[in-house]
């Protein structure tokens, strides 16, 4: 596989990940953080950093819209639930384990 093919395959995998996350809006960011130590916001930051590496400046809101498929404020209002006490305990345990 040459570099162009590798980049194309990576881009296809990333697009599929975004489609998968979009199809599973019930999976909350806190759940992703607990299980995988990353969430949609992390992807947004990585996307923004990747754009910067290419000489393209985008802001965090633009990056989040690219990841969420809509303005973050809309996604949050439509899909984000408050974290439960159990989720917060699990998240804090995950964070403590990283230290």
N, C-alpha and C. Protein backbone atom coordinates (compact mmCIF):
# COMPACT_ATOMS: atom_id res chain seq x y z
N UNK A 1 0.85 -1.17 0.00
CA UNK A 1 0.00 0.00 0.00
C UNK A 1 0.90 1.24 0.00
N UNK A 2 0.69 2.12 -0.96
CA UNK A 2 1.49 3.34 -0.97
C UNK A 2 0.87 4.38 -0.03
N UNK A 3 1.56 5.50 0.14
CA UNK A 3 1.11 6.51 1.12
C UNK A 3 -0.26 7.09 0.75
N UNK A 4 -0.51 7.33 -0.52
CA UNK A 4 -1.79 7.87 -0.94
C UNK A 4 -2.93 6.89 -0.64
N UNK A 5 -2.70 5.61 -0.90
CA UNK A 5 -3.70 4.58 -0.60
C UNK A 5 -3.93 4.47 0.90
N UNK A 6 -2.84 4.54 1.66
CA UNK A 6 -2.95 4.47 3.12
C UNK A 6 -3.76 5.64 3.64
N UNK A 7 -3.48 6.84 3.16
CA UNK A 7 -4.22 8.03 3.58
C UNK A 7 -5.69 7.90 3.22
N UNK A 8 -5.98 7.40 2.03
CA UNK A 8 -7.37 7.21 1.60
C UNK A 8 -8.08 6.18 2.47
N UNK A 9 -7.40 5.10 2.82
CA UNK A 9 -8.00 4.07 3.68
C UNK A 9 -8.25 4.63 5.08
N UNK A 10 -7.31 5.39 5.60
CA UNK A 10 -7.49 6.01 6.92
C UNK A 10 -8.66 6.98 6.90
N UNK A 11 -8.76 7.77 5.85
CA UNK A 11 -9.87 8.73 5.73
C UNK A 11 -11.21 8.00 5.65
N UNK A 12 -11.25 6.89 4.91
CA UNK A 12 -12.48 6.10 4.81
C UNK A 12 -12.87 5.52 6.17
N UNK A 13 -11.89 5.05 6.92
CA UNK A 13 -12.16 4.50 8.25
C UNK A 13 -12.69 5.61 9.18
N UNK A 14 -12.11 6.79 9.09
CA UNK A 14 -12.56 7.92 9.91
C UNK A 14 -13.99 8.30 9.55
N UNK A 15 -14.31 8.35 8.25
CA UNK A 15 -15.68 8.67 7.83
C UNK A 15 -16.65 7.62 8.35
N UNK A 16 -16.24 6.36 8.33
CA UNK A 16 -17.10 5.29 8.85
C UNK A 16 -17.30 5.43 10.35
N UNK A 17 -16.26 5.80 11.07
CA UNK A 17 -16.39 6.04 12.51
C UNK A 17 -17.39 7.15 12.78
N UNK A 18 -17.31 8.24 12.03
CA UNK A 18 -18.26 9.34 12.21
C UNK A 18 -19.69 8.89 11.91
N UNK A 19 -19.88 8.10 10.85
CA UNK A 19 -21.21 7.57 10.52
C UNK A 19 -21.72 6.68 11.65
N UNK A 20 -20.83 5.87 12.19
CA UNK A 20 -21.21 4.96 13.28
C UNK A 20 -21.63 5.76 14.52
N UNK A 21 -20.84 6.77 14.86
CA UNK A 21 -21.20 7.60 16.01
C UNK A 21 -22.51 8.33 15.77
N UNK A 22 -22.71 8.81 14.55
CA UNK A 22 -23.95 9.51 14.22
C UNK A 22 -25.16 8.58 14.32
N UNK A 23 -24.98 7.34 13.94
CA UNK A 23 -26.07 6.37 14.01
C UNK A 23 -26.33 5.89 15.43
N UNK A 24 -25.42 6.21 16.34
CA UNK A 24 -25.53 5.76 17.74
C UNK A 24 -25.46 6.95 18.68
N UNK A 25 -26.35 7.91 18.44
CA UNK A 25 -26.37 9.12 19.27
C UNK A 25 -26.71 8.82 20.73
N UNK A 26 -27.32 7.64 20.97
CA UNK A 26 -27.63 7.26 22.34
C UNK A 26 -26.37 6.98 23.16
N UNK A 27 -25.26 6.73 22.48
CA UNK A 27 -23.99 6.55 23.19
C UNK A 27 -23.48 7.94 23.54
N UNK A 28 -23.50 8.22 24.81
CA UNK A 28 -23.13 9.53 25.30
C UNK A 28 -21.61 9.68 25.35
N UNK A 29 -21.15 10.91 25.27
CA UNK A 29 -19.71 11.17 25.35
C UNK A 29 -19.12 10.63 26.65
N UNK A 30 -19.84 10.76 27.74
CA UNK A 30 -19.32 10.25 29.02
C UNK A 30 -19.11 8.74 28.93
N UNK A 31 -20.00 8.03 28.22
CA UNK A 31 -19.83 6.58 28.04
C UNK A 31 -18.57 6.28 27.25
N UNK A 32 -18.35 7.05 26.20
CA UNK A 32 -17.13 6.87 25.41
C UNK A 32 -15.89 7.14 26.25
N UNK A 33 -15.94 8.18 27.07
CA UNK A 33 -14.79 8.51 27.92
C UNK A 33 -14.52 7.40 28.93
N UNK A 34 -15.57 6.84 29.48
CA UNK A 34 -15.40 5.76 30.47
C UNK A 34 -14.79 4.53 29.81
N UNK A 35 -15.30 4.16 28.65
CA UNK A 35 -14.87 2.93 28.00
C UNK A 35 -13.59 3.05 27.19
N UNK A 36 -13.42 4.19 26.52
CA UNK A 36 -12.33 4.28 25.55
C UNK A 36 -11.39 5.46 25.78
N UNK A 37 -11.70 6.29 26.77
CA UNK A 37 -10.86 7.44 27.12
C UNK A 37 -10.77 8.45 25.97
N UNK A 38 -11.82 8.53 25.15
CA UNK A 38 -11.95 9.59 24.15
C UNK A 38 -13.44 9.75 23.86
N UNK A 39 -13.79 10.90 23.30
CA UNK A 39 -15.18 11.14 22.95
C UNK A 39 -15.24 11.98 21.67
N UNK A 40 -16.43 12.39 21.31
CA UNK A 40 -16.61 13.20 20.11
C UNK A 40 -15.84 14.52 20.21
N UNK A 41 -15.77 15.09 21.41
CA UNK A 41 -15.02 16.33 21.58
C UNK A 41 -13.53 16.10 21.37
N UNK A 42 -13.03 14.96 21.81
CA UNK A 42 -11.63 14.61 21.56
C UNK A 42 -11.39 14.51 20.06
N UNK A 43 -12.29 13.83 19.36
CA UNK A 43 -12.16 13.72 17.91
C UNK A 43 -12.15 15.10 17.26
N UNK A 44 -12.97 16.01 17.79
CA UNK A 44 -13.01 17.37 17.26
C UNK A 44 -11.66 18.06 17.42
N UNK A 45 -11.05 17.89 18.57
CA UNK A 45 -9.74 18.49 18.82
C UNK A 45 -8.68 17.87 17.91
N UNK A 46 -8.74 16.56 17.70
CA UNK A 46 -7.79 15.90 16.82
C UNK A 46 -8.00 16.34 15.37
N UNK A 47 -9.26 16.53 14.99
CA UNK A 47 -9.59 17.00 13.64
C UNK A 47 -9.02 18.41 13.43
N UNK A 48 -9.21 19.26 14.42
CA UNK A 48 -8.70 20.63 14.35
C UNK A 48 -7.18 20.61 14.24
N UNK A 49 -6.51 19.76 15.01
CA UNK A 49 -5.05 19.65 14.95
C UNK A 49 -4.60 19.12 13.59
N UNK A 50 -5.35 18.15 13.05
CA UNK A 50 -5.02 17.61 11.74
C UNK A 50 -5.16 18.66 10.65
N UNK A 51 -6.18 19.48 10.75
CA UNK A 51 -6.35 20.56 9.78
C UNK A 51 -5.19 21.54 9.88
N UNK A 52 -4.78 21.84 11.10
CA UNK A 52 -3.67 22.77 11.30
C UNK A 52 -2.38 22.21 10.68
N UNK A 53 -2.16 20.91 10.82
CA UNK A 53 -0.99 20.27 10.19
C UNK A 53 -1.00 20.45 8.68
N UNK A 54 -2.19 20.59 8.11
CA UNK A 54 -2.33 20.78 6.66
C UNK A 54 -2.32 22.26 6.28
N UNK A 55 -2.10 23.12 7.28
CA UNK A 55 -2.05 24.55 7.02
C UNK A 55 -3.42 25.21 6.96
N UNK A 56 -4.44 24.51 7.49
CA UNK A 56 -5.80 25.03 7.50
C UNK A 56 -6.19 25.35 8.94
N UNK A 57 -6.58 26.57 9.17
CA UNK A 57 -7.01 26.98 10.51
C UNK A 57 -8.52 26.88 10.60
N UNK A 58 -9.00 26.04 11.49
CA UNK A 58 -10.42 25.99 11.81
C UNK A 58 -10.54 26.14 13.32
N UNK A 59 -11.66 26.67 13.77
CA UNK A 59 -11.82 26.82 15.21
C UNK A 59 -12.55 25.59 15.78
N UNK A 60 -12.63 25.55 17.08
CA UNK A 60 -13.19 24.39 17.78
C UNK A 60 -14.65 24.17 17.39
N UNK A 61 -15.42 25.25 17.24
CA UNK A 61 -16.82 25.10 16.84
C UNK A 61 -16.93 24.49 15.46
N UNK A 62 -16.08 24.90 14.53
CA UNK A 62 -16.09 24.32 13.19
C UNK A 62 -15.70 22.85 13.24
N UNK A 63 -14.72 22.53 14.05
CA UNK A 63 -14.28 21.14 14.18
C UNK A 63 -15.39 20.29 14.78
N UNK A 64 -16.05 20.80 15.82
CA UNK A 64 -17.14 20.03 16.42
C UNK A 64 -18.29 19.83 15.44
N UNK A 65 -18.59 20.84 14.63
CA UNK A 65 -19.66 20.68 13.64
C UNK A 65 -19.29 19.60 12.63
N UNK A 66 -18.02 19.52 12.26
CA UNK A 66 -17.57 18.47 11.33
C UNK A 66 -17.75 17.09 11.95
N UNK A 67 -17.52 16.96 13.23
CA UNK A 67 -17.61 15.66 13.91
C UNK A 67 -19.05 15.32 14.26
N UNK A 68 -19.78 16.28 14.81
CA UNK A 68 -21.15 16.03 15.24
C UNK A 68 -22.16 16.05 14.09
N UNK A 69 -21.77 16.64 12.95
CA UNK A 69 -22.68 16.73 11.82
C UNK A 69 -23.71 17.83 11.95
N UNK A 70 -23.54 18.68 12.93
CA UNK A 70 -24.43 19.81 13.19
C UNK A 70 -23.75 20.69 14.22
N UNK A 71 -24.22 21.92 14.40
CA UNK A 71 -23.63 22.73 15.46
C UNK A 71 -23.73 22.00 16.81
N UNK A 72 -22.68 22.09 17.60
CA UNK A 72 -22.63 21.38 18.87
C UNK A 72 -23.80 21.75 19.76
N UNK A 73 -24.19 23.02 19.78
CA UNK A 73 -25.31 23.44 20.64
C UNK A 73 -26.59 22.70 20.26
N UNK A 74 -26.80 22.46 18.98
CA UNK A 74 -27.99 21.69 18.54
C UNK A 74 -27.88 20.25 18.99
N UNK A 75 -26.69 19.63 18.78
CA UNK A 75 -26.50 18.24 19.16
C UNK A 75 -26.72 18.08 20.66
N UNK A 76 -26.15 18.99 21.42
CA UNK A 76 -26.26 18.92 22.88
C UNK A 76 -27.72 19.02 23.31
N UNK A 77 -28.46 19.95 22.72
CA UNK A 77 -29.86 20.13 23.08
C UNK A 77 -30.71 18.92 22.69
N UNK A 78 -30.39 18.30 21.56
CA UNK A 78 -31.20 17.21 21.04
C UNK A 78 -30.80 15.83 21.56
N UNK A 79 -29.52 15.65 21.91
CA UNK A 79 -29.04 14.28 22.16
C UNK A 79 -28.29 14.06 23.47
N UNK A 80 -27.76 15.11 24.06
CA UNK A 80 -26.94 14.91 25.26
C UNK A 80 -27.80 14.91 26.51
N UNK A 81 -27.65 13.85 27.27
CA UNK A 81 -28.35 13.72 28.54
C UNK A 81 -27.41 14.10 29.68
N UNK A 82 -27.96 14.53 30.81
CA UNK A 82 -27.08 14.77 31.96
C UNK A 82 -26.41 13.45 32.39
N UNK A 83 -25.17 13.55 32.81
CA UNK A 83 -24.46 12.36 33.29
C UNK A 83 -25.12 11.88 34.59
N UNK A 84 -25.26 10.58 34.70
CA UNK A 84 -25.81 10.01 35.92
C UNK A 84 -24.72 9.96 36.99
N UNK A 85 -25.14 9.74 38.21
CA UNK A 85 -24.17 9.60 39.30
C UNK A 85 -23.24 8.41 39.04
N UNK A 86 -23.80 7.32 38.52
CA UNK A 86 -23.01 6.13 38.23
C UNK A 86 -21.97 6.42 37.14
N UNK A 87 -22.37 7.16 36.12
CA UNK A 87 -21.43 7.52 35.06
C UNK A 87 -20.30 8.39 35.61
N UNK A 88 -20.63 9.33 36.46
CA UNK A 88 -19.60 10.21 37.02
C UNK A 88 -18.63 9.42 37.90
N UNK A 89 -19.13 8.48 38.67
CA UNK A 89 -18.26 7.64 39.50
C UNK A 89 -17.32 6.83 38.61
N UNK A 90 -17.87 6.24 37.56
CA UNK A 90 -17.05 5.44 36.63
C UNK A 90 -16.03 6.31 35.91
N UNK A 91 -16.44 7.52 35.50
CA UNK A 91 -15.53 8.44 34.83
C UNK A 91 -14.39 8.85 35.76
N UNK A 92 -14.72 9.19 36.98
CA UNK A 92 -13.69 9.59 37.95
C UNK A 92 -12.73 8.44 38.24
N UNK A 93 -13.25 7.22 38.31
CA UNK A 93 -12.39 6.04 38.51
C UNK A 93 -11.46 5.86 37.31
N UNK A 94 -11.98 6.06 36.11
CA UNK A 94 -11.15 5.95 34.89
C UNK A 94 -10.03 6.99 34.92
N UNK A 95 -10.39 8.22 35.29
CA UNK A 95 -9.40 9.28 35.34
C UNK A 95 -8.34 9.00 36.40
N UNK A 96 -8.76 8.50 37.54
CA UNK A 96 -7.82 8.18 38.62
C UNK A 96 -6.88 7.06 38.21
N UNK A 97 -7.39 6.10 37.44
CA UNK A 97 -6.57 4.99 36.99
C UNK A 97 -5.50 5.43 36.00
N UNK A 98 -5.73 6.53 35.32
CA UNK A 98 -4.75 7.04 34.34
C UNK A 98 -3.55 7.69 35.01
N UNK A 99 -3.69 8.07 36.24
CA UNK A 99 -2.62 8.79 36.94
C UNK A 99 -1.59 7.88 37.51
